[in-house]
């Protein structure tokens, strides 16, 4: 789509998304975002009151696409709930092998804003993680997994823990190991144990 047809707000969020994910929110100025979007800073501030609001919009724009992607991996996997959960991890490992992968944008942003728990972006990140956990609990319940809320929470811990360790070691094998652990958790609580 030519730039002139793309709505201004979307151009700003798209530019911010590329820069924030690549460099981190603290290293990216509003001037850099406006330049990347091909707009003036004044135009950017017409659409966003502050950089904080733009950071929240960046994460909000990643929320549903990320949830749909995880749900798609889960649904496409053959086998029981354990294999479906493990497929999420396998696909995350595949994505993490891409040279431009920088980790979970929600976690990286929360880490940069750790001293600001009321920040709008932290609230968006918290909502995203809660929505994923709730979706996973429902999906596990539908497949007959006992204590689906507890299992979903344990799986979220495995995902986010492996995201963190992968940032340290740059080794996607950690998320594959976490996927195997998650599959064992699910098998242990499945009503239809083999």
Protein backbone atom coordinates (compact mmCIF):
# COMPACT_ATOMS: atom_id res chain seq x y z
CA UNK A 1 0.00 0.00 0.00
CA UNK A 2 1.49 3.44 -0.91
CA UNK A 3 2.43 5.60 2.08
CA UNK A 4 -0.12 8.29 1.18
CA UNK A 5 -3.00 5.79 1.53
CA UNK A 6 -1.87 4.37 4.88
CA UNK A 7 -3.61 6.24 7.70
CA UNK A 8 -1.23 8.50 9.60
CA UNK A 9 -1.79 6.87 12.98
CA UNK A 10 -0.99 3.43 11.52
CA UNK A 11 2.17 4.78 9.87
CA UNK A 12 3.31 6.12 13.23
CA UNK A 13 2.57 2.86 15.08
CA UNK A 14 4.23 0.80 12.33
CA UNK A 15 7.37 2.95 12.50
CA UNK A 16 7.40 2.82 16.30
CA UNK A 17 6.93 -0.96 16.24
CA UNK A 18 9.91 -1.51 13.95
CA UNK A 19 12.14 0.82 15.99
CA UNK A 20 11.01 -0.19 19.49
CA UNK A 21 11.35 -3.90 18.74
CA UNK A 22 14.75 -3.51 17.09
CA UNK A 23 16.31 -1.07 19.56
CA UNK A 24 14.21 -0.97 22.73
CA UNK A 25 11.90 1.79 23.87
CA UNK A 26 14.50 3.78 25.79
CA UNK A 27 16.87 4.07 22.85
CA UNK A 28 14.29 5.34 20.37
CA UNK A 29 13.38 9.02 20.29
CA UNK A 30 10.12 10.54 19.13
CA UNK A 31 12.18 12.33 16.46
CA UNK A 32 13.41 8.97 15.11
CA UNK A 33 9.85 7.61 14.99
CA UNK A 34 8.56 10.69 13.18
CA UNK A 35 11.42 10.45 10.68
CA UNK A 36 10.83 6.72 10.11
CA UNK A 37 7.11 7.42 9.56
CA UNK A 38 7.93 10.26 7.16
CA UNK A 39 6.07 12.79 9.29
CA UNK A 40 6.80 15.77 11.48
CA UNK A 41 7.05 15.44 15.23
CA UNK A 42 4.11 17.82 15.49
CA UNK A 43 1.98 15.40 13.43
CA UNK A 44 3.05 12.53 15.66
CA UNK A 45 2.00 14.48 18.77
CA UNK A 46 -1.32 15.30 17.12
CA UNK A 47 -2.07 11.54 17.14
CA UNK A 48 -0.36 10.60 20.41
CA UNK A 49 -0.25 12.74 23.57
CA UNK A 50 3.12 11.31 24.60
CA UNK A 51 5.78 8.75 23.85
CA UNK A 52 4.24 6.68 26.67
CA UNK A 53 0.94 6.49 24.77
CA UNK A 54 2.83 5.48 21.63
CA UNK A 55 4.66 2.71 23.53
CA UNK A 56 1.29 1.41 24.75
CA UNK A 57 -0.08 1.54 21.17
CA UNK A 58 2.97 -0.41 19.96
CA UNK A 59 2.25 -3.26 22.39
CA UNK A 60 -1.50 -3.08 21.87
CA UNK A 61 -0.90 -3.59 18.16
CA UNK A 62 1.06 -6.77 18.87
CA UNK A 63 -1.54 -8.23 21.27
CA UNK A 64 -4.11 -9.88 18.99
CA UNK A 65 -1.69 -10.90 16.22
CA UNK A 66 0.50 -12.68 18.80
CA UNK A 67 -2.50 -14.40 20.40
CA UNK A 68 -3.84 -15.50 16.99
CA UNK A 69 -0.43 -16.85 16.02
CA UNK A 70 -0.11 -18.94 19.19
CA UNK A 71 -3.69 -20.19 18.85
CA UNK A 72 -3.00 -21.08 15.22
CA UNK A 73 0.06 -23.14 16.15
CA UNK A 74 -1.95 -24.87 18.88
CA UNK A 75 -4.92 -25.63 16.61
CA UNK A 76 -2.77 -26.82 13.69
CA UNK A 77 -0.82 -29.34 15.77
CA UNK A 78 -1.92 -32.93 15.56
CA UNK A 79 -2.32 -35.04 18.66
CA UNK A 80 -3.51 -34.39 22.16
CA UNK A 81 -3.23 -31.32 24.34
CA UNK A 82 0.39 -32.14 25.20
CA UNK A 83 1.43 -32.09 21.51
CA UNK A 84 -0.57 -28.92 20.88
CA UNK A 85 1.15 -27.12 23.77
CA UNK A 86 4.55 -28.38 22.68
CA UNK A 87 3.84 -27.03 19.17
CA UNK A 88 3.63 -23.51 20.58
CA UNK A 89 7.12 -23.90 22.00
CA UNK A 90 8.51 -25.54 18.85
CA UNK A 91 7.21 -22.70 16.73
CA UNK A 92 8.56 -20.10 19.15
CA UNK A 93 11.97 -21.79 18.90
CA UNK A 94 11.74 -21.65 15.10
CA UNK A 95 10.90 -17.93 15.22
CA UNK A 96 13.70 -17.31 17.73
CA UNK A 97 16.23 -18.73 15.28
CA UNK A 98 15.59 -15.81 12.91
CA UNK A 99 18.49 -13.33 13.04
CA UNK A 100 16.13 -10.38 13.69
CA UNK A 101 14.47 -12.03 16.70
CA UNK A 102 14.87 -9.85 19.79
CA UNK A 103 12.69 -11.68 22.28
CA UNK A 104 9.23 -11.00 23.60
CA UNK A 105 8.40 -7.34 23.06
CA UNK A 106 6.03 -7.39 26.03
CA UNK A 107 8.69 -8.69 28.42
CA UNK A 108 11.44 -6.44 27.07
CA UNK A 109 9.19 -3.40 27.46
CA UNK A 110 8.14 -4.41 30.97
CA UNK A 111 11.81 -4.81 31.91
CA UNK A 112 12.62 -1.34 30.61
CA UNK A 113 9.68 0.06 32.57
CA UNK A 114 10.20 -2.01 35.73
CA UNK A 115 10.31 1.08 37.93
CA UNK A 116 7.03 2.37 36.45
CA UNK A 117 4.34 -0.26 37.22
CA UNK A 118 1.48 2.13 36.36
CA UNK A 119 2.83 2.88 32.88
CA UNK A 120 0.18 2.38 30.17
CA UNK A 121 2.44 -0.08 28.28
CA UNK A 122 2.95 -2.21 31.39
CA UNK A 123 -0.83 -2.44 31.70
CA UNK A 124 -1.11 -3.49 28.04
CA UNK A 125 1.59 -6.13 28.57
CA UNK A 126 -0.12 -7.44 31.69
CA UNK A 127 -3.44 -7.67 29.84
CA UNK A 128 -1.77 -9.53 26.95
CA UNK A 129 -0.17 -12.11 29.26
CA UNK A 130 -3.47 -12.56 31.14
CA UNK A 131 -5.41 -12.96 27.90
CA UNK A 132 -3.00 -15.62 26.65
CA UNK A 133 -3.20 -17.48 29.96
CA UNK A 134 -7.02 -17.36 29.93
CA UNK A 135 -7.19 -18.52 26.30
CA UNK A 136 -4.80 -21.40 27.05
CA UNK A 137 -6.77 -22.45 30.15
CA UNK A 138 -9.98 -22.59 28.07
CA UNK A 139 -8.26 -24.53 25.28
CA UNK A 140 -6.84 -27.02 27.79
CA UNK A 141 -10.20 -27.37 29.52
CA UNK A 142 -11.86 -28.13 26.17
CA UNK A 143 -9.33 -30.95 25.68
CA UNK A 144 -10.03 -32.49 29.10
CA UNK A 145 -6.95 -31.29 31.00
CA UNK A 146 -7.52 -31.24 34.76
CA UNK A 147 -6.86 -27.96 36.61
CA UNK A 148 -6.53 -26.04 33.33
CA UNK A 149 -5.98 -22.65 35.00
CA UNK A 150 -3.06 -23.99 37.04
CA UNK A 151 -1.55 -25.76 34.02
CA UNK A 152 -1.93 -22.64 31.87
CA UNK A 153 -0.13 -20.56 34.51
CA UNK A 154 2.71 -23.10 34.69
CA UNK A 155 3.01 -23.04 30.90
CA UNK A 156 3.15 -19.24 30.88
CA UNK A 157 5.98 -19.45 33.42
CA UNK A 158 7.82 -21.87 31.15
CA UNK A 159 7.32 -19.67 28.08
CA UNK A 160 8.36 -16.43 29.73
CA UNK A 161 11.23 -18.06 31.60
CA UNK A 162 12.56 -19.53 28.38
CA UNK A 163 12.18 -16.16 26.62
CA UNK A 164 14.31 -14.61 29.35
CA UNK A 165 17.05 -17.24 29.28
CA UNK A 166 17.15 -17.14 25.48
CA UNK A 167 17.94 -13.43 25.65
CA UNK A 168 20.91 -14.28 27.88
CA UNK A 169 22.23 -17.27 25.94
CA UNK A 170 20.80 -16.65 22.46
CA UNK A 171 19.99 -20.34 22.28
CA UNK A 172 16.47 -21.46 21.22
CA UNK A 173 17.18 -24.94 22.60
CA UNK A 174 15.95 -23.56 25.93
CA UNK A 175 12.44 -23.00 24.65
CA UNK A 176 12.39 -26.48 23.12
CA UNK A 177 13.37 -27.91 26.53
CA UNK A 178 10.61 -25.83 28.10
CA UNK A 179 8.19 -27.22 25.52
CA UNK A 180 9.05 -30.77 26.51
CA UNK A 181 8.51 -29.85 30.18
CA UNK A 182 5.16 -28.24 29.32
CA UNK A 183 4.07 -31.36 27.42
CA UNK A 184 4.89 -33.47 30.51
CA UNK A 185 2.84 -31.13 32.71
CA UNK A 186 -0.12 -31.46 30.38
CA UNK A 187 0.19 -35.26 30.13
CA UNK A 188 0.31 -35.53 33.93
CA UNK A 189 -3.03 -33.71 34.18
CA UNK A 190 -4.81 -35.13 31.16
CA UNK A 191 -7.96 -37.13 31.79
CA UNK A 192 -7.24 -39.30 28.75
CA UNK A 193 -3.78 -40.51 29.74
CA UNK A 194 -2.20 -42.98 27.32
